Amino acid sequence: MGEPDNLGQDPLAKESGMTDLKKRHQELHQGLDELLACYLVQTKRTISDTPLMDFLKWSHTMTESPTCEAHGGGDSGVAPRSTDGS
């Protein structure tokens, strides 16, 4: 029979690893919130009319030339969604 994967592991080390993972996910979530806020301000879109692929393309563009009106930056490089249906 095989041995359990956690045999011989220090339970505190496992708990510490989970704490580190939780902290990292919290940091990632905060970063996503900030990125999404910039996207929504710059594009004048709402979350409900934002295709994920549009957001991801915009996010990649911001890695090359970051701007954010929410933080005093400039043009987003993405055309705002028209509110009159055109």
Protein backbone atom coordinates (compact mmCIF):
# COMPACT_ATOMS: atom_id res chain seq x y z
CA MET A 1 0.00 0.00 0.00
CA GLY A 2 1.09 3.56 -0.67
CA GLU A 3 1.87 6.03 2.05
CA PRO A 4 -0.31 9.10 2.62
CA ASP A 5 1.05 12.18 0.85
CA ASN A 6 1.27 14.11 4.11
CA LEU A 7 3.14 11.45 6.11
CA GLY A 8 6.04 13.03 7.92
CA GLN A 9 4.94 16.58 7.09
CA ASP A 10 4.94 19.12 9.85
CA PRO A 11 1.29 20.20 10.31
CA LEU A 12 2.44 23.73 11.13
CA ALA A 13 4.38 23.92 7.86
CA LYS A 14 1.26 22.89 5.93
CA GLU A 15 -0.81 25.49 7.81
CA SER A 16 1.83 28.14 7.08
CA GLY A 17 1.72 27.23 3.39
CA MET A 18 -2.05 27.63 3.36
CA THR A 19 -1.73 30.98 5.13
CA ASP A 20 0.79 32.12 2.49
CA LEU A 21 -1.52 30.93 -0.29
CA LYS A 22 -4.50 32.74 1.24
CA LYS A 23 -2.45 35.94 1.57
CA ARG A 24 -1.30 35.68 -2.05
CA HIS A 25 -4.88 35.19 -3.28
CA GLN A 26 -6.00 38.21 -1.26
CA GLU A 27 -3.23 40.29 -2.88
CA LEU A 28 -4.21 39.05 -6.35
CA HIS A 29 -7.86 39.84 -5.69
CA GLN A 30 -6.99 43.37 -4.56
CA GLY A 31 -4.92 43.87 -7.72
CA LEU A 32 -7.77 42.59 -9.88
CA ASP A 33 -10.16 45.01 -8.17
CA GLU A 34 -7.81 47.92 -8.91
CA LEU A 35 -7.29 46.85 -12.51
CA LEU A 36 -11.02 46.42 -13.11
CA ALA A 37 -11.74 49.84 -11.56
CA CYS A 38 -9.27 51.47 -13.97
CA TYR A 39 -10.83 49.62 -16.91
CA LEU A 40 -14.36 50.69 -15.98
CA VAL A 41 -13.35 54.34 -15.47
CA GLN A 42 -11.41 54.53 -18.72
CA THR A 43 -13.84 52.70 -20.98
CA LYS A 44 -17.03 54.07 -19.38
CA ARG A 45 -18.37 50.50 -19.46
CA THR A 46 -20.15 48.51 -16.80
CA ILE A 47 -19.17 45.09 -15.58
CA SER A 48 -22.30 43.60 -17.17
CA ASP A 49 -21.36 44.81 -20.67
CA THR A 50 -17.65 43.94 -20.45
CA PRO A 51 -16.59 40.79 -22.31
CA LEU A 52 -13.75 39.08 -20.46
CA MET A 53 -11.58 39.02 -23.59
CA ASP A 54 -11.91 42.82 -24.00
CA PHE A 55 -10.81 43.28 -20.38
CA LEU A 56 -7.85 40.91 -20.82
CA LYS A 57 -6.69 42.65 -24.03
CA TRP A 58 -6.95 46.03 -22.33
CA SER A 59 -5.03 44.69 -19.34
CA HIS A 60 -2.23 43.47 -21.59
CA THR A 61 -2.09 46.86 -23.31
CA MET A 62 -1.72 48.51 -19.91
CA THR A 63 1.38 46.38 -19.20
CA GLU A 64 3.04 48.07 -22.18
CA SER A 65 1.76 51.61 -21.65
CA PRO A 66 0.04 52.03 -18.28
CA THR A 67 -2.42 54.85 -17.82
CA CYS A 68 -5.41 55.13 -15.55
CA GLU A 69 -7.77 58.07 -15.28
CA ALA A 70 -8.78 56.76 -11.86
CA HIS A 71 -5.18 57.41 -10.77
CA GLY A 72 -4.64 60.58 -12.81
CA GLY A 73 -3.50 58.84 -16.03
CA GLY A 74 -4.62 59.50 -19.57
CA ASP A 75 -6.21 57.80 -22.56
CA SER A 76 -7.19 54.16 -22.13
CA GLY A 77 -6.64 53.10 -25.72
CA VAL A 78 -10.13 51.55 -25.69
CA ALA A 79 -13.13 53.27 -27.26
CA PRO A 80 -15.87 53.93 -24.71
CA ARG A 81 -19.19 52.14 -25.20
CA SER A 82 -21.78 54.48 -26.72
CA THR A 83 -24.74 55.19 -24.44
CA ASP A 84 -27.07 56.12 -27.31
CA GLY A 85 -27.03 52.65 -28.90
CA SER A 86 -24.78 53.56 -31.84
